[in-house]
Amino acid sequence: MKKTDQINLTPELQEGLEQKVKALHEIIQDIGETYPSVAFASSFGAEDIVLHHAIHQSSNKIAIF
C-alpha cells in the first residue's frame, strides 16, 4: 500500500497536487538552466527532502550539501 492510499484524495486535491509538483519541476529546471553552478544547502528536514527528491528527478546537476 502506498502512503497516498491512506489519504482520501479527491480528484480536485489530486489535480492541485499534480499542478504544484509540475510547477516545482519547472522552477527547478529554470534554476538549473539560469544558474549552472547552483547548489542546494539541505538540513534534511521534511521540506528539504521534498526539494532533494525533486532535484534528483530533474535532469540538472544541482549539487546538494
C-alpha atoms as a PDB file:
ATOM      1  CA  MET A   1       0.000   0.000   0.000  1.00  0.00           C
ATOM      2  CA  LYS A   2       1.330   3.420  -0.967  1.00  0.00           C
ATOM      3  CA  LYS A   3       1.297   6.250   1.574  1.00  0.00           C
ATOM      4  CA  THR A   4      -1.093   8.217  -0.636  1.00  0.00           C
ATOM      5  CA  ASP A   5      -3.559   5.317  -0.482  1.00  0.00           C
ATOM      6  CA  GLN A   6      -4.041   6.191   3.182  1.00  0.00           C
ATOM      7  CA  ILE A   7      -5.157   9.742   2.317  1.00  0.00           C
ATOM      8  CA  ASN A   8      -8.573  10.483   0.880  1.00  0.00           C
ATOM      9  CA  LEU A   9      -7.532  12.498  -2.165  1.00  0.00           C
ATOM     10  CA  THR A  10     -10.462  13.938  -4.039  1.00  0.00           C
ATOM     11  CA  PRO A  11      -9.990  14.496  -7.763  1.00  0.00           C
ATOM     12  CA  GLU A  12      -9.659  18.225  -7.049  1.00  0.00           C
ATOM     13  CA  LEU A  13      -6.920  17.654  -4.458  1.00  0.00           C
ATOM     14  CA  GLN A  14      -5.108  15.233  -6.763  1.00  0.00           C
ATOM     15  CA  GLU A  15      -5.228  17.739  -9.629  1.00  0.00           C
ATOM     16  CA  GLY A  16      -3.993  20.547  -7.376  1.00  0.00           C
ATOM     17  CA  LEU A  17      -1.122  18.390  -6.127  1.00  0.00           C
ATOM     18  CA  GLU A  18      -0.116  17.428  -9.658  1.00  0.00           C
ATOM     19  CA  GLN A  19      -0.120  21.100 -10.719  1.00  0.00           C
ATOM     20  CA  LYS A  20       2.122  22.041  -7.779  1.00  0.00           C
ATOM     21  CA  VAL A  21       4.544  19.191  -8.493  1.00  0.00           C
ATOM     22  CA  LYS A  22       4.708  20.216 -12.157  1.00  0.00           C
ATOM     23  CA  ALA A  23       5.366  23.837 -11.162  1.00  0.00           C
ATOM     24  CA  LEU A  24       8.124  22.716  -8.764  1.00  0.00           C
ATOM     25  CA  HIS A  25       9.847  20.739 -11.513  1.00  0.00           C
ATOM     26  CA  GLU A  26       9.596  23.702 -13.903  1.00  0.00           C
ATOM     27  CA  ILE A  27      11.133  26.029 -11.297  1.00  0.00           C
ATOM     28  CA  ILE A  28      13.991  23.607 -10.617  1.00  0.00           C
ATOM     29  CA  GLN A  29      14.601  23.287 -14.363  1.00  0.00           C
ATOM     30  CA  ASP A  30      14.676  27.081 -14.761  1.00  0.00           C
ATOM     31  CA  ILE A  31      17.054  27.486 -11.815  1.00  0.00           C
ATOM     32  CA  GLY A  32      19.414  24.837 -13.171  1.00  0.00           C
ATOM     33  CA  GLU A  33      19.478  26.460 -16.610  1.00  0.00           C
ATOM     34  CA  THR A  34      19.854  30.019 -15.302  1.00  0.00           C
ATOM     35  CA  TYR A  35      22.463  29.218 -12.633  1.00  0.00           C
ATOM     36  CA  PRO A  36      24.544  26.241 -13.828  1.00  0.00           C
ATOM     37  CA  SER A  37      26.721  26.205 -10.696  1.00  0.00           C
ATOM     38  CA  VAL A  38      23.841  26.403  -8.213  1.00  0.00           C
ATOM     39  CA  ALA A  39      23.882  24.236  -5.072  1.00  0.00           C
ATOM     40  CA  PHE A  40      21.173  23.390  -2.548  1.00  0.00           C
ATOM     41  CA  ALA A  41      22.031  23.563   1.162  1.00  0.00           C
ATOM     42  CA  SER A  42      19.912  20.971   2.937  1.00  0.00           C
ATOM     43  CA  SER A  43      19.244  20.417   6.616  1.00  0.00           C
ATOM     44  CA  PHE A  44      17.470  17.161   5.630  1.00  0.00           C
ATOM     45  CA  GLY A  45      14.227  18.354   7.199  1.00  0.00           C
ATOM     46  CA  ALA A  46      10.915  17.246   5.690  1.00  0.00           C
ATOM     47  CA  GLU A  47      10.686  20.227   3.340  1.00  0.00           C
ATOM     48  CA  ASP A  48      14.276  19.796   2.209  1.00  0.00           C
ATOM     49  CA  ILE A  49      13.675  16.140   1.410  1.00  0.00           C
ATOM     50  CA  VAL A  50      10.826  17.135  -0.920  1.00  0.00           C
ATOM     51  CA  LEU A  51      13.192  19.505  -2.730  1.00  0.00           C
ATOM     52  CA  HIS A  52      16.004  16.914  -2.675  1.00  0.00           C
ATOM     53  CA  HIS A  53      13.702  14.389  -4.352  1.00  0.00           C
ATOM     54  CA  ALA A  54      12.557  16.892  -6.987  1.00  0.00           C
ATOM     55  CA  ILE A  55      16.150  17.912  -7.736  1.00  0.00           C
ATOM     56  CA  HIS A  56      17.150  14.250  -8.046  1.00  0.00           C
ATOM     57  CA  GLN A  57      14.313  13.661 -10.537  1.00  0.00           C
ATOM     58  CA  SER A  58      15.391  16.617 -12.668  1.00  0.00           C
ATOM     59  CA  SER A  59      17.997  16.470 -15.408  1.00  0.00           C
ATOM     60  CA  ASN A  60      20.000  19.251 -13.748  1.00  0.00           C
ATOM     61  CA  LYS A  61      23.277  18.691 -11.973  1.00  0.00           C
ATOM     62  CA  ILE A  62      22.328  20.686  -8.875  1.00  0.00           C
ATOM     63  CA  ALA A  63      24.683  19.883  -6.019  1.00  0.00           C
ATOM     64  CA  ILE A  64      23.161  19.082  -2.631  1.00  0.00           C
ATOM     65  CA  PHE A  65      25.143  19.524   0.556  1.00  0.00           C
END
